[in-house]
Amino acid sequence: MGGYIATFTAFLVQNLHTDPSFIAWLAPTVILTPVIIYSTNKIKKGKSKIVLK
């Protein structure tokens, strides 16, 4: 997911021209970091339910 953030950031910085330029730098991080946290927590919960006999 970090690679997606980096790629998306590079794309936005090169192609999106906003008045405050820092928006293109911060938007992918702000949008995709909660997705990373959610998916990590979901995977951890799924692994904790596995019972080995």
C-alpha atoms as a PDB file:
ATOM      1  CA  MET A   1       0.000   0.000   0.000  1.00  0.00           C
ATOM      2  CA  GLY A   2       2.895   2.353   0.599  1.00  0.00           C
ATOM      3  CA  GLY A   3       3.861   1.930  -3.036  1.00  0.00           C
ATOM      4  CA  TYR A   4       0.354   2.905  -4.103  1.00  0.00           C
ATOM      5  CA  ILE A   5       0.562   6.039  -1.976  1.00  0.00           C
ATOM      6  CA  ALA A   6       3.905   6.960  -3.536  1.00  0.00           C
ATOM      7  CA  THR A   7       2.675   6.328  -7.076  1.00  0.00           C
ATOM      8  CA  PHE A   8      -0.570   8.206  -6.559  1.00  0.00           C
ATOM      9  CA  THR A   9       1.309  11.116  -4.980  1.00  0.00           C
ATOM     10  CA  ALA A  10       3.728  11.318  -7.912  1.00  0.00           C
ATOM     11  CA  PHE A  11       0.843  11.265 -10.376  1.00  0.00           C
ATOM     12  CA  LEU A  12      -1.032  14.029  -8.565  1.00  0.00           C
ATOM     13  CA  VAL A  13       2.023  16.248  -8.121  1.00  0.00           C
ATOM     14  CA  GLN A  14       2.825  16.049 -11.835  1.00  0.00           C
ATOM     15  CA  ASN A  15      -0.715  16.361 -13.204  1.00  0.00           C
ATOM     16  CA  LEU A  16      -2.778  18.294 -10.667  1.00  0.00           C
ATOM     17  CA  HIS A  17      -2.174  21.999 -10.330  1.00  0.00           C
ATOM     18  CA  THR A  18      -3.834  23.282  -7.170  1.00  0.00           C
ATOM     19  CA  ASP A  19      -3.475  26.681  -5.561  1.00  0.00           C
ATOM     20  CA  PRO A  20      -1.979  25.371  -2.309  1.00  0.00           C
ATOM     21  CA  SER A  21       0.458  22.846  -3.781  1.00  0.00           C
ATOM     22  CA  PHE A  22       0.784  20.832  -0.560  1.00  0.00           C
ATOM     23  CA  ILE A  23      -2.694  19.358  -1.132  1.00  0.00           C
ATOM     24  CA  ALA A  24      -1.354  17.155  -3.925  1.00  0.00           C
ATOM     25  CA  TRP A  25       1.411  15.974  -1.586  1.00  0.00           C
ATOM     26  CA  LEU A  26      -0.774  15.191   1.420  1.00  0.00           C
ATOM     27  CA  ALA A  27      -4.061  13.980  -0.093  1.00  0.00           C
ATOM     28  CA  PRO A  28      -2.979  10.403  -0.943  1.00  0.00           C
ATOM     29  CA  THR A  29      -1.531   9.894   2.529  1.00  0.00           C
ATOM     30  CA  VAL A  30      -4.621  11.252   4.248  1.00  0.00           C
ATOM     31  CA  ILE A  31      -6.956   9.157   2.093  1.00  0.00           C
ATOM     32  CA  LEU A  32      -5.057   5.849   1.946  1.00  0.00           C
ATOM     33  CA  THR A  33      -3.586   5.595   5.462  1.00  0.00           C
ATOM     34  CA  PRO A  34      -6.977   4.741   7.025  1.00  0.00           C
ATOM     35  CA  VAL A  35      -7.366   2.021   4.377  1.00  0.00           C
ATOM     36  CA  ILE A  36      -4.018   0.541   5.431  1.00  0.00           C
ATOM     37  CA  ILE A  37      -5.010   0.645   9.112  1.00  0.00           C
ATOM     38  CA  TYR A  38      -8.400  -0.951   8.398  1.00  0.00           C
ATOM     39  CA  SER A  39      -6.966  -3.763   6.289  1.00  0.00           C
ATOM     40  CA  THR A  40      -4.191  -4.470   8.792  1.00  0.00           C
ATOM     41  CA  ASN A  41      -6.682  -4.728  11.644  1.00  0.00           C
ATOM     42  CA  LYS A  42      -8.968  -6.961   9.575  1.00  0.00           C
ATOM     43  CA  ILE A  43      -6.102  -9.332   8.758  1.00  0.00           C
ATOM     44  CA  LYS A  44      -4.991  -9.456  12.406  1.00  0.00           C
ATOM     45  CA  LYS A  45      -8.519 -10.297  13.567  1.00  0.00           C
ATOM     46  CA  GLY A  46      -8.831 -13.047  10.960  1.00  0.00           C
ATOM     47  CA  LYS A  47      -5.583 -14.688  12.059  1.00  0.00           C
ATOM     48  CA  SER A  48      -6.509 -14.616  15.733  1.00  0.00           C
ATOM     49  CA  LYS A  49      -9.613 -16.766  15.065  1.00  0.00           C
ATOM     50  CA  ILE A  50      -7.579 -19.654  13.648  1.00  0.00           C
ATOM     51  CA  VAL A  51      -7.477 -22.554  16.084  1.00  0.00           C
ATOM     52  CA  LEU A  52      -4.884 -25.281  15.576  1.00  0.00           C
ATOM     53  CA  LYS A  53      -5.727 -28.738  16.861  1.00  0.00           C
END
